[in-house]
Protein backbone atom coordinates (compact mmCIF):
# COMPACT_ATOMS: atom_id res chain seq x y z
CA UNK A 1 0.15 -0.06 0.25
CA UNK A 2 1.06 3.61 -0.21
CA UNK A 3 2.84 5.36 2.43
CA UNK A 4 2.00 8.74 4.37
CA UNK A 5 -1.37 10.61 4.02
CA UNK A 6 -2.06 9.47 0.37
CA UNK A 7 -4.98 7.05 0.00
CA UNK A 8 -4.30 3.88 -1.70
CA UNK A 9 -6.09 2.95 -5.03
CA UNK A 10 -8.87 0.42 -4.99
CA UNK A 11 -6.71 -2.10 -6.71
CA UNK A 12 -3.98 -1.44 -4.04
CA UNK A 13 -6.81 -1.68 -1.19
CA UNK A 14 -7.85 -4.79 -2.74
CA UNK A 15 -4.86 -6.68 -3.23
CA UNK A 16 -3.70 -5.67 0.72
CA UNK A 17 -7.09 -7.28 1.64
CA UNK A 18 -6.13 -10.03 -0.33
CA UNK A 19 -2.96 -10.56 1.22
CA UNK A 20 -4.48 -10.25 5.09
CA UNK A 21 -7.21 -12.74 4.07
CA UNK A 22 -4.65 -15.35 2.97
CA UNK A 23 -2.30 -14.65 6.00
CA UNK A 24 -5.72 -15.25 7.96
CA UNK A 25 -6.32 -18.12 6.40
CA UNK A 26 -2.70 -19.88 6.68
CA UNK A 27 -3.27 -19.45 10.55
CA UNK A 28 -7.15 -20.45 11.17
CA UNK A 29 -7.47 -23.27 8.62
CA UNK A 30 -7.91 -26.65 9.69
CA UNK A 31 -4.36 -27.81 10.35
CA UNK A 32 -3.12 -24.44 10.20
CA UNK A 33 -0.66 -22.87 12.46
CA UNK A 34 -3.22 -21.88 15.63
CA UNK A 35 -4.56 -25.67 15.43
CA UNK A 36 -0.99 -26.97 15.38
CA UNK A 37 0.21 -25.01 18.34
CA UNK A 38 -3.16 -25.67 20.42
CA UNK A 39 -2.32 -29.45 19.55
CA UNK A 40 1.27 -28.90 20.94
CA UNK A 41 -0.19 -27.23 24.19
CA UNK A 42 -2.75 -29.85 24.60
CA UNK A 43 0.24 -32.38 24.57
CA UNK A 44 2.43 -30.38 26.79
CA UNK A 45 -0.38 -30.01 29.28
CA UNK A 46 -0.66 -33.79 29.37
CA UNK A 47 2.91 -34.52 29.76
CA UNK A 48 3.00 -32.23 32.77
CA UNK A 49 0.08 -33.19 34.49
CA UNK A 50 1.41 -37.05 34.30
CA UNK A 51 4.71 -36.39 35.36
CA UNK A 52 3.45 -34.41 38.08
CA UNK A 53 1.04 -37.19 39.46
CA UNK A 54 3.81 -39.74 39.04
CA UNK A 55 6.12 -37.73 41.11
CA UNK A 56 3.60 -36.93 43.78
CA UNK A 57 2.72 -40.68 43.78
CA UNK A 58 6.58 -41.72 44.40
CA UNK A 59 7.14 -38.80 46.87
CA UNK A 60 7.56 -39.36 50.15
CA UNK A 61 6.88 -37.07 53.14
CA UNK A 62 3.74 -34.56 54.16
CA UNK A 63 1.27 -33.80 51.74
CA UNK A 64 3.41 -30.37 51.15
CA UNK A 65 6.47 -32.12 50.73
CA UNK A 66 5.12 -34.33 48.01
CA UNK A 67 3.79 -31.49 46.32
CA UNK A 68 7.00 -29.44 46.44
CA UNK A 69 9.14 -32.55 45.30
CA UNK A 70 6.55 -33.20 42.33
CA UNK A 71 7.08 -29.24 41.47
CA UNK A 72 10.77 -29.57 41.40
CA UNK A 73 10.85 -32.89 39.36
CA UNK A 74 8.49 -31.38 36.60
CA UNK A 75 9.67 -27.99 36.26
CA UNK A 76 10.93 -28.25 32.78
CA UNK A 77 7.55 -29.78 31.91
CA UNK A 78 5.82 -26.83 33.55
CA UNK A 79 7.90 -24.69 31.68
CA UNK A 80 6.97 -26.48 28.26
CA UNK A 81 3.54 -26.01 28.91
CA UNK A 82 3.44 -22.32 29.69
CA UNK A 83 5.65 -21.87 26.65
CA UNK A 84 3.21 -23.66 24.54
CA UNK A 85 0.14 -21.50 26.19
CA UNK A 86 1.99 -18.39 25.27
CA UNK A 87 2.57 -19.34 21.68
CA UNK A 88 -1.50 -20.17 21.50
CA UNK A 89 -1.95 -16.98 23.08
CA UNK A 90 0.34 -14.88 20.83
CA UNK A 91 -1.09 -16.53 17.50
CA UNK A 92 -4.69 -15.61 18.99
CA UNK A 93 -3.63 -12.27 19.06
CA UNK A 94 -2.08 -11.98 15.51
CA UNK A 95 -5.84 -13.49 14.22
CA UNK A 96 -7.27 -10.94 16.36
CA UNK A 97 -5.13 -8.15 14.68
CA UNK A 98 -5.27 -9.65 11.09
CA UNK A 99 -9.23 -9.25 11.55
CA UNK A 100 -8.70 -5.74 12.54
CA UNK A 101 -6.42 -4.69 9.82
CA UNK A 102 -9.18 -6.31 7.51
CA UNK A 103 -11.70 -4.07 9.25
CA UNK A 104 -9.29 -1.03 8.13
CA UNK A 105 -9.06 -2.34 4.97
CA UNK A 106 -12.56 -2.39 3.90
CA UNK A 107 -12.98 0.77 5.86
CA UNK A 108 -10.35 2.24 3.52
CA UNK A 109 -11.49 0.88 0.43
CA UNK A 110 -15.07 2.45 0.91
CA UNK A 111 -13.62 5.56 1.70
CA UNK A 112 -11.61 5.45 -1.48
CA UNK A 113 -14.61 4.53 -3.71
CA UNK A 114 -16.59 7.44 -2.07
CA UNK A 115 -13.70 9.57 -2.84
CA UNK A 116 -13.66 8.71 -6.70
CA UNK A 117 -17.46 8.97 -6.94
CA UNK A 118 -17.15 12.45 -5.12
CA UNK A 119 -14.87 13.40 -7.80
CA UNK A 120 -17.08 11.93 -10.42
CA UNK A 121 -15.01 9.16 -11.21
CA UNK A 122 -16.24 5.74 -11.50
CA UNK A 123 -14.45 3.17 -9.39
């Protein structure tokens, strides 16, 4: 698209919208980035919970001692889970951003069309 205060042409706005739509599709389609990241998050959560339960069950001592031992033994699994969750959230935010940009593009296209009509040109 153009830079500065200059309005893009309708063709530029359409191309921009098409590019944004393709990006959005690549992230949200079945088997796309968001789905893959969510599957990784689910797997990381299952690994963490399984390891935590195992560690807790084999630990000895008071209930609090057993909890703390399980936490220490599963810290890497917990980190992997939190990392996977952060990646999903970042991807979801990117989806929201792409949708907002598409809305801006639609508004821009409408503005350009109105400007052309006001100038007596057929968009």
